[in-house]
C-alpha atoms as a PDB file:
ATOM      1  CA  UNK A   1       0.002   0.055   0.041  1.00  0.00           C
ATOM      2  CA  UNK A   2       2.932   2.279   0.808  1.00  0.00           C
ATOM      3  CA  UNK A   3       4.489   1.528  -2.446  1.00  0.00           C
ATOM      4  CA  UNK A   4       1.287   2.464  -4.221  1.00  0.00           C
ATOM      5  CA  UNK A   5       1.340   5.873  -2.364  1.00  0.00           C
ATOM      6  CA  UNK A   6       5.028   6.390  -3.246  1.00  0.00           C
ATOM      7  CA  UNK A   7       4.272   5.583  -6.878  1.00  0.00           C
ATOM      8  CA  UNK A   8       1.280   7.925  -6.821  1.00  0.00           C
ATOM      9  CA  UNK A   9       3.340  10.744  -5.275  1.00  0.00           C
ATOM     10  CA  UNK A  10       6.074  10.129  -7.913  1.00  0.00           C
ATOM     11  CA  UNK A  11       3.620  10.180 -10.786  1.00  0.00           C
ATOM     12  CA  UNK A  12       2.031  13.382  -9.488  1.00  0.00           C
ATOM     13  CA  UNK A  13       5.564  15.028  -9.371  1.00  0.00           C
ATOM     14  CA  UNK A  14       6.357  13.820 -12.896  1.00  0.00           C
ATOM     15  CA  UNK A  15       2.979  15.141 -14.323  1.00  0.00           C
ATOM     16  CA  UNK A  16       3.765  18.500 -12.683  1.00  0.00           C
ATOM     17  CA  UNK A  17       7.200  18.436 -14.246  1.00  0.00           C
ATOM     18  CA  UNK A  18       5.793  17.703 -17.685  1.00  0.00           C
ATOM     19  CA  UNK A  19       3.140  20.489 -17.460  1.00  0.00           C
ATOM     20  CA  UNK A  20       5.939  22.978 -16.328  1.00  0.00           C
ATOM     21  CA  UNK A  21       8.183  21.969 -19.167  1.00  0.00           C
ATOM     22  CA  UNK A  22       5.456  22.124 -21.820  1.00  0.00           C
ATOM     23  CA  UNK A  23       4.122  25.409 -20.558  1.00  0.00           C
ATOM     24  CA  UNK A  24       7.523  27.010 -20.900  1.00  0.00           C
ATOM     25  CA  UNK A  25       8.000  25.647 -24.445  1.00  0.00           C
ATOM     26  CA  UNK A  26       4.462  26.175 -25.829  1.00  0.00           C
ATOM     27  CA  UNK A  27       3.048  29.379 -24.184  1.00  0.00           C
ATOM     28  CA  UNK A  28       5.623  31.904 -25.634  1.00  0.00           C
ATOM     29  CA  UNK A  29       3.343  32.721 -28.557  1.00  0.00           C
ATOM     30  CA  UNK A  30      -0.445  32.878 -29.321  1.00  0.00           C
ATOM     31  CA  UNK A  31      -0.203  30.070 -31.746  1.00  0.00           C
ATOM     32  CA  UNK A  32       1.411  27.695 -29.406  1.00  0.00           C
ATOM     33  CA  UNK A  33      -1.118  28.310 -26.714  1.00  0.00           C
ATOM     34  CA  UNK A  34      -3.629  26.485 -28.675  1.00  0.00           C
ATOM     35  CA  UNK A  35      -1.333  23.415 -28.917  1.00  0.00           C
ATOM     36  CA  UNK A  36      -0.521  23.407 -25.200  1.00  0.00           C
ATOM     37  CA  UNK A  37      -3.622  21.612 -24.004  1.00  0.00           C
ATOM     38  CA  UNK A  38      -3.367  18.758 -26.547  1.00  0.00           C
ATOM     39  CA  UNK A  39       0.394  18.278 -26.178  1.00  0.00           C
ATOM     40  CA  UNK A  40       0.040  18.439 -22.306  1.00  0.00           C
ATOM     41  CA  UNK A  41      -2.577  15.671 -22.316  1.00  0.00           C
ATOM     42  CA  UNK A  42      -0.763  13.394 -24.729  1.00  0.00           C
ATOM     43  CA  UNK A  43       2.577  13.787 -22.973  1.00  0.00           C
ATOM     44  CA  UNK A  44       1.100  13.288 -19.581  1.00  0.00           C
ATOM     45  CA  UNK A  45      -0.831  10.192 -20.543  1.00  0.00           C
ATOM     46  CA  UNK A  46       2.142   8.597 -22.123  1.00  0.00           C
ATOM     47  CA  UNK A  47       4.266   9.236 -19.082  1.00  0.00           C
ATOM     48  CA  UNK A  48       1.597   8.040 -16.640  1.00  0.00           C
ATOM     49  CA  UNK A  49       1.120   4.839 -18.567  1.00  0.00           C
ATOM     50  CA  UNK A  50       4.817   3.976 -18.543  1.00  0.00           C
ATOM     51  CA  UNK A  51       5.547   5.068 -15.021  1.00  0.00           C
ATOM     52  CA  UNK A  52       2.665   3.133 -13.520  1.00  0.00           C
ATOM     53  CA  UNK A  53       3.889  -0.091 -14.950  1.00  0.00           C
ATOM     54  CA  UNK A  54       7.660   0.271 -14.140  1.00  0.00           C
ATOM     55  CA  UNK A  55       8.062   3.284 -11.776  1.00  0.00           C
ATOM     56  CA  UNK A  56      11.102   4.544 -13.894  1.00  0.00           C
ATOM     57  CA  UNK A  57      13.672   6.944 -12.399  1.00  0.00           C
ATOM     58  CA  UNK A  58      12.869  10.632 -12.587  1.00  0.00           C
ATOM     59  CA  UNK A  59      15.714  11.372 -14.991  1.00  0.00           C
ATOM     60  CA  UNK A  60      14.299   8.896 -17.517  1.00  0.00           C
ATOM     61  CA  UNK A  61      10.784  10.262 -17.271  1.00  0.00           C
ATOM     62  CA  UNK A  62      12.075  13.846 -17.760  1.00  0.00           C
ATOM     63  CA  UNK A  63      13.894  12.666 -20.837  1.00  0.00           C
ATOM     64  CA  UNK A  64      10.783  11.189 -22.275  1.00  0.00           C
ATOM     65  CA  UNK A  65       8.772  14.375 -21.589  1.00  0.00           C
ATOM     66  CA  UNK A  66      11.564  16.339 -23.380  1.00  0.00           C
ATOM     67  CA  UNK A  67      11.106  13.984 -26.405  1.00  0.00           C
ATOM     68  CA  UNK A  68       7.337  14.660 -26.447  1.00  0.00           C
ATOM     69  CA  UNK A  69       7.996  18.374 -26.468  1.00  0.00           C
ATOM     70  CA  UNK A  70      10.760  18.108 -29.173  1.00  0.00           C
ATOM     71  CA  UNK A  71       8.567  15.806 -31.389  1.00  0.00           C
ATOM     72  CA  UNK A  72       5.531  18.122 -31.125  1.00  0.00           C
ATOM     73  CA  UNK A  73       7.616  21.264 -31.817  1.00  0.00           C
ATOM     74  CA  UNK A  74       9.082  19.588 -34.897  1.00  0.00           C
ATOM     75  CA  UNK A  75       5.545  18.731 -36.042  1.00  0.00           C
ATOM     76  CA  UNK A  76       4.317  22.303 -35.701  1.00  0.00           C
ATOM     77  CA  UNK A  77       7.328  23.955 -37.353  1.00  0.00           C
ATOM     78  CA  UNK A  78       6.457  22.728 -40.910  1.00  0.00           C
ATOM     79  CA  UNK A  79       2.802  23.894 -40.476  1.00  0.00           C
ATOM     80  CA  UNK A  80       4.166  27.318 -39.316  1.00  0.00           C
ATOM     81  CA  UNK A  81       6.448  27.476 -42.408  1.00  0.00           C
ATOM     82  CA  UNK A  82       3.613  26.462 -44.665  1.00  0.00           C
ATOM     83  CA  UNK A  83       1.339  29.189 -43.230  1.00  0.00           C
ATOM     84  CA  UNK A  84       4.179  31.688 -43.682  1.00  0.00           C
ATOM     85  CA  UNK A  85       4.568  30.769 -47.288  1.00  0.00           C
ATOM     86  CA  UNK A  86       0.771  30.925 -47.941  1.00  0.00           C
ATOM     87  CA  UNK A  87       0.666  34.555 -46.539  1.00  0.00           C
ATOM     88  CA  UNK A  88       1.399  37.002 -49.330  1.00  0.00           C
ATOM     89  CA  UNK A  89       4.114  39.466 -48.785  1.00  0.00           C
ATOM     90  CA  UNK A  90       3.029  43.060 -48.814  1.00  0.00           C
ATOM     91  CA  UNK A  91       5.018  43.624 -51.915  1.00  0.00           C
ATOM     92  CA  UNK A  92       3.099  40.795 -53.664  1.00  0.00           C
ATOM     93  CA  UNK A  93      -0.268  42.463 -53.181  1.00  0.00           C
ATOM     94  CA  UNK A  94      -2.085  43.520 -56.316  1.00  0.00           C
ATOM     95  CA  UNK A  95      -0.535  46.765 -57.472  1.00  0.00           C
ATOM     96  CA  UNK A  96      -2.551  49.235 -59.333  1.00  0.00           C
ATOM     97  CA  UNK A  97      -1.222  49.640 -62.897  1.00  0.00           C
ATOM     98  CA  UNK A  98      -1.326  52.815 -64.731  1.00  0.00           C
ATOM     99  CA  UNK A  99      -1.292  53.456 -68.466  1.00  0.00           C
ATOM    100  CA  UNK A 100       0.538  56.559 -69.500  1.00  0.00           C
ATOM    101  CA  UNK A 101      -1.902  58.890 -71.353  1.00  0.00           C
ATOM    102  CA  UNK A 102      -0.883  61.096 -74.267  1.00  0.00           C
ATOM    103  CA  UNK A 103      -1.098  64.784 -73.268  1.00  0.00           C
ATOM    104  CA  UNK A 104      -3.453  67.021 -75.331  1.00  0.00           C
ATOM    105  CA  UNK A 105      -1.719  67.962 -78.589  1.00  0.00           C
ATOM    106  CA  UNK A 106      -2.521  70.292 -81.520  1.00  0.00           C
ATOM    107  CA  UNK A 107      -5.638  71.623 -79.671  1.00  0.00           C
ATOM    108  CA  UNK A 108      -7.268  68.250 -79.030  1.00  0.00           C
ATOM    109  CA  UNK A 109      -8.568  67.364 -75.600  1.00  0.00           C
ATOM    110  CA  UNK A 110      -7.857  64.208 -73.591  1.00  0.00           C
ATOM    111  CA  UNK A 111     -10.900  62.265 -74.969  1.00  0.00           C
ATOM    112  CA  UNK A 112      -9.875  63.014 -78.542  1.00  0.00           C
ATOM    113  CA  UNK A 113      -6.346  62.117 -77.771  1.00  0.00           C
ATOM    114  CA  UNK A 114      -7.422  58.817 -76.142  1.00  0.00           C
ATOM    115  CA  UNK A 115      -9.317  57.982 -79.369  1.00  0.00           C
ATOM    116  CA  UNK A 116      -6.277  58.802 -81.418  1.00  0.00           C
ATOM    117  CA  UNK A 117      -4.221  56.462 -79.205  1.00  0.00           C
ATOM    118  CA  UNK A 118      -6.623  53.675 -79.869  1.00  0.00           C
ATOM    119  CA  UNK A 119      -6.439  54.196 -83.609  1.00  0.00           C
ATOM    120  CA  UNK A 120      -2.604  54.211 -83.515  1.00  0.00           C
ATOM    121  CA  UNK A 121      -2.523  51.094 -81.402  1.00  0.00           C
ATOM    122  CA  UNK A 122      -4.909  49.292 -83.783  1.00  0.00           C
ATOM    123  CA  UNK A 123      -2.497  50.200 -86.553  1.00  0.00           C
ATOM    124  CA  UNK A 124       0.428  48.833 -84.684  1.00  0.00           C
ATOM    125  CA  UNK A 125      -1.384  45.564 -84.115  1.00  0.00           C
ATOM    126  CA  UNK A 126      -1.898  45.098 -87.810  1.00  0.00           C
ATOM    127  CA  UNK A 127       1.628  46.140 -88.554  1.00  0.00           C
ATOM    128  CA  UNK A 128       0.696  49.496 -90.192  1.00  0.00           C
ATOM    129  CA  UNK A 129       3.504  52.017 -90.647  1.00  0.00           C
ATOM    130  CA  UNK A 130       3.355  55.455 -89.039  1.00  0.00           C
ATOM    131  CA  UNK A 131       2.360  56.960 -92.269  1.00  0.00           C
ATOM    132  CA  UNK A 132      -0.692  54.739 -92.404  1.00  0.00           C
ATOM    133  CA  UNK A 133      -1.537  55.735 -88.848  1.00  0.00           C
ATOM    134  CA  UNK A 134      -1.457  59.339 -89.817  1.00  0.00           C
ATOM    135  CA  UNK A 135      -3.818  58.620 -92.715  1.00  0.00           C
ATOM    136  CA  UNK A 136      -6.149  57.026 -90.294  1.00  0.00           C
ATOM    137  CA  UNK A 137      -6.109  59.649 -87.630  1.00  0.00           C
ATOM    138  CA  UNK A 138      -6.456  62.465 -90.204  1.00  0.00           C
ATOM    139  CA  UNK A 139      -9.516  60.573 -91.628  1.00  0.00           C
ATOM    140  CA  UNK A 140     -11.067  60.328 -88.046  1.00  0.00           C
ATOM    141  CA  UNK A 141     -10.342  63.995 -87.494  1.00  0.00           C
ATOM    142  CA  UNK A 142     -12.410  64.868 -90.576  1.00  0.00           C
ATOM    143  CA  UNK A 143     -15.145  62.300 -90.161  1.00  0.00           C
ATOM    144  CA  UNK A 144     -15.979  62.712 -86.367  1.00  0.00           C
ATOM    145  CA  UNK A 145     -13.458  65.185 -84.957  1.00  0.00           C
ATOM    146  CA  UNK A 146     -12.011  62.083 -83.072  1.00  0.00           C
ATOM    147  CA  UNK A 147     -15.222  61.435 -81.189  1.00  0.00           C
ATOM    148  CA  UNK A 148     -17.007  58.051 -81.171  1.00  0.00           C
ATOM    149  CA  UNK A 149     -20.420  59.199 -82.398  1.00  0.00           C
ATOM    150  CA  UNK A 150     -23.637  57.286 -82.335  1.00  0.00           C
ATOM    151  CA  UNK A 151     -26.701  58.375 -84.440  1.00  0.00           C
ATOM    152  CA  UNK A 152     -30.445  58.732 -83.922  1.00  0.00           C
ATOM    153  CA  UNK A 153     -30.779  57.375 -87.483  1.00  0.00           C
ATOM    154  CA  UNK A 154     -29.290  54.080 -86.175  1.00  0.00           C
ATOM    155  CA  UNK A 155     -31.035  53.556 -82.813  1.00  0.00           C
ATOM    156  CA  UNK A 156     -28.847  50.468 -82.063  1.00  0.00           C
ATOM    157  CA  UNK A 157     -25.811  52.660 -81.952  1.00  0.00           C
ATOM    158  CA  UNK A 158     -27.194  54.506 -78.934  1.00  0.00           C
ATOM    159  CA  UNK A 159     -26.979  51.356 -76.831  1.00  0.00           C
ATOM    160  CA  UNK A 160     -23.245  51.336 -77.098  1.00  0.00           C
ATOM    161  CA  UNK A 161     -20.741  53.722 -75.425  1.00  0.00           C
ATOM    162  CA  UNK A 162     -20.558  56.952 -77.443  1.00  0.00           C
ATOM    163  CA  UNK A 163     -19.399  60.428 -77.139  1.00  0.00           C
ATOM    164  CA  UNK A 164     -22.059  62.347 -78.963  1.00  0.00           C
ATOM    165  CA  UNK A 165     -24.284  61.877 -81.900  1.00  0.00           C
ATOM    166  CA  UNK A 166     -24.157  62.619 -85.550  1.00  0.00           C
ATOM    167  CA  UNK A 167     -26.756  62.674 -88.330  1.00  0.00           C
ATOM    168  CA  UNK A 168     -24.903  61.778 -91.520  1.00  0.00           C
ATOM    169  CA  UNK A 169     -27.288  59.244 -92.905  1.00  0.00           C
ATOM    170  CA  UNK A 170     -26.561  55.920 -91.037  1.00  0.00           C
ATOM    171  CA  UNK A 171     -22.889  56.739 -90.450  1.00  0.00           C
ATOM    172  CA  UNK A 172     -21.507  55.958 -86.979  1.00  0.00           C
ATOM    173  CA  UNK A 173     -18.352  55.710 -84.944  1.00  0.00           C
ATOM    174  CA  UNK A 174     -14.922  57.331 -85.174  1.00  0.00           C
ATOM    175  CA  UNK A 175     -14.678  56.817 -89.045  1.00  0.00           C
ATOM    176  CA  UNK A 176     -18.540  57.353 -89.665  1.00  0.00           C
ATOM    177  CA  UNK A 177     -18.750  53.940 -91.218  1.00  0.00           C
ATOM    178  CA  UNK A 178     -22.087  52.615 -92.452  1.00  0.00           C
ATOM    179  CA  UNK A 179     -23.210  49.164 -91.598  1.00  0.00           C
ATOM    180  CA  UNK A 180     -25.668  49.303 -94.653  1.00  0.00           C
ATOM    181  CA  UNK A 181     -22.634  49.447 -97.070  1.00  0.00           C
ATOM    182  CA  UNK A 182     -20.712  46.530 -95.556  1.00  0.00           C
ATOM    183  CA  UNK A 183     -18.454  48.070 -93.027  1.00  0.00           C
ATOM    184  CA  UNK A 184     -19.729  45.571 -90.387  1.00  0.00           C
ATOM    185  CA  UNK A 185     -22.269  45.337 -87.601  1.00  0.00           C
ATOM    186  CA  UNK A 186     -23.357  48.424 -85.736  1.00  0.00           C
ATOM    187  CA  UNK A 187     -21.786  46.964 -82.651  1.00  0.00           C
ATOM    188  CA  UNK A 188     -18.417  46.498 -84.388  1.00  0.00           C
ATOM    189  CA  UNK A 189     -18.198  49.912 -85.861  1.00  0.00           C
ATOM    190  CA  UNK A 190     -19.219  51.564 -82.501  1.00  0.00           C
ATOM    191  CA  UNK A 191     -16.047  49.799 -81.048  1.00  0.00           C
ATOM    192  CA  UNK A 192     -13.191  52.339 -81.685  1.00  0.00           C
ATOM    193  CA  UNK A 193     -10.588  49.564 -82.033  1.00  0.00           C
ATOM    194  CA  UNK A 194     -12.543  47.405 -84.368  1.00  0.00           C
ATOM    195  CA  UNK A 195     -13.683  50.434 -86.408  1.00  0.00           C
ATOM    196  CA  UNK A 196      -9.979  51.539 -86.872  1.00  0.00           C
ATOM    197  CA  UNK A 197      -8.953  48.025 -87.940  1.00  0.00           C
ATOM    198  CA  UNK A 198     -11.637  47.918 -90.512  1.00  0.00           C
ATOM    199  CA  UNK A 199     -10.296  51.235 -91.834  1.00  0.00           C
ATOM    200  CA  UNK A 200      -6.750  49.884 -91.934  1.00  0.00           C
ATOM    201  CA  UNK A 201      -7.769  46.629 -93.745  1.00  0.00           C
ATOM    202  CA  UNK A 202      -9.542  48.683 -96.347  1.00  0.00           C
ATOM    203  CA  UNK A 203      -6.484  50.928 -96.719  1.00  0.00           C
ATOM    204  CA  UNK A 204      -4.257  47.815 -97.174  1.00  0.00           C
ATOM    205  CA  UNK A 205      -6.452  46.841-100.115  1.00  0.00           C
ATOM    206  CA  UNK A 206      -5.659  50.066-101.913  1.00  0.00           C
ATOM    207  CA  UNK A 207      -2.664  49.513-104.328  1.00  0.00           C
ATOM    208  CA  UNK A 208       0.220  51.740-103.650  1.00  0.00           C
ATOM    209  CA  UNK A 209      -1.401  53.614-100.761  1.00  0.00           C
ATOM    210  CA  UNK A 210       2.016  54.084 -99.151  1.00  0.00           C
ATOM    211  CA  UNK A 211       3.094  56.458-101.926  1.00  0.00           C
ATOM    212  CA  UNK A 212      -0.234  58.412-102.170  1.00  0.00           C
ATOM    213  CA  UNK A 213      -0.765  61.784-100.684  1.00  0.00           C
ATOM    214  CA  UNK A 214      -2.426  61.258 -97.324  1.00  0.00           C
ATOM    215  CA  UNK A 215      -5.637  62.977 -98.505  1.00  0.00           C
ATOM    216  CA  UNK A 216      -5.841  60.770-101.547  1.00  0.00           C
ATOM    217  CA  UNK A 217      -5.317  57.517 -99.516  1.00  0.00           C
ATOM    218  CA  UNK A 218      -7.940  58.570 -97.024  1.00  0.00           C
ATOM    219  CA  UNK A 219     -10.344  59.570 -99.780  1.00  0.00           C
ATOM    220  CA  UNK A 220      -9.912  56.293-101.670  1.00  0.00           C
ATOM    221  CA  UNK A 221     -10.892  54.292 -98.594  1.00  0.00           C
ATOM    222  CA  UNK A 222     -13.794  56.617 -97.495  1.00  0.00           C
ATOM    223  CA  UNK A 223     -15.276  57.769-100.766  1.00  0.00           C
ATOM    224  CA  UNK A 224     -16.159  61.055 -99.244  1.00  0.00           C
ATOM    225  CA  UNK A 225     -18.300  63.726-101.072  1.00  0.00           C
ATOM    226  CA  UNK A 226     -15.550  66.150-100.043  1.00  0.00           C
ATOM    227  CA  UNK A 227     -12.273  64.495-101.274  1.00  0.00           C
ATOM    228  CA  UNK A 228      -9.977  67.409-100.405  1.00  0.00           C
ATOM    229  CA  UNK A 229     -11.186  67.736 -96.878  1.00  0.00           C
ATOM    230  CA  UNK A 230      -8.732  65.416 -95.317  1.00  0.00           C
ATOM    231  CA  UNK A 231      -5.761  67.513 -96.446  1.00  0.00           C
ATOM    232  CA  UNK A 232      -6.252  70.238 -93.835  1.00  0.00           C
ATOM    233  CA  UNK A 233      -5.831  67.629 -91.056  1.00  0.00           C
ATOM    234  CA  UNK A 234      -2.395  66.294 -92.136  1.00  0.00           C
ATOM    235  CA  UNK A 235      -0.255  68.537 -89.891  1.00  0.00           C
ATOM    236  CA  UNK A 236      -2.336  67.858 -86.821  1.00  0.00           C
ATOM    237  CA  UNK A 237      -2.645  64.204 -87.456  1.00  0.00           C
ATOM    238  CA  UNK A 238       1.161  63.906 -87.878  1.00  0.00           C
ATOM    239  CA  UNK A 239       1.769  65.800 -84.608  1.00  0.00           C
ATOM    240  CA  UNK A 240      -0.877  63.707 -82.799  1.00  0.00           C
ATOM    241  CA  UNK A 241       0.449  60.363 -84.010  1.00  0.00           C
ATOM    242  CA  UNK A 242       3.998  61.337 -83.207  1.00  0.00           C
ATOM    243  CA  UNK A 243       2.977  62.325 -79.684  1.00  0.00           C
ATOM    244  CA  UNK A 244       1.200  58.996 -79.304  1.00  0.00           C
ATOM    245  CA  UNK A 245       4.184  57.008 -80.499  1.00  0.00           C
ATOM    246  CA  UNK A 246       6.467  58.986 -78.237  1.00  0.00           C
ATOM    247  CA  UNK A 247       4.767  57.633 -75.100  1.00  0.00           C
ATOM    248  CA  UNK A 248       6.329  54.400 -73.810  1.00  0.00           C
END
């Protein structure tokens, strides 16, 4: 009976040592506090089971407790590392990207310059030279004053983004193209980029357009009732296109 009491006293002391050791190892950070209870129960249960059967010396029990702590610490370290990797660094947060805008040039405002930039970009995507880009911008200057225009004559055009309205038959968009003459759907020609590409493709079908005066190249594509109207825009179109191309 006395031996049982001695063993009980010994076990109580060992459990106290385990709790003390685990508390020191696991309560130094908020994350480890949550692990403290589980580790303490597991470590104490293992020690009680072994000690009740063999009543091992205190040094051996302490060593086993240390092994429990070390094993648990090793098991939690990878999880901590994984959590750290999963947390994005502040430098990896989504950064706002800005696109440089072309400053107003030759008396045109920002909206008009933005439309000119769209025309130039569309030309580059099709491999059109700067001269061809000037032809396109000069054409849009004459046709719409570089605004994407809808028309009350074409009610569908009013459903799409536009910057004013025109009333030249059923002509719409930057280049005042007509869906009734085969330029495409209303939706396509109300899209500034698509509209510009349609102009460029038509220009590419004109034999020798690269060597034509800008006004002649533009008129050949557009078939305007005022064939000489494009000439007055050549200087401004050149300045605008060069300003757009100068922006990196």
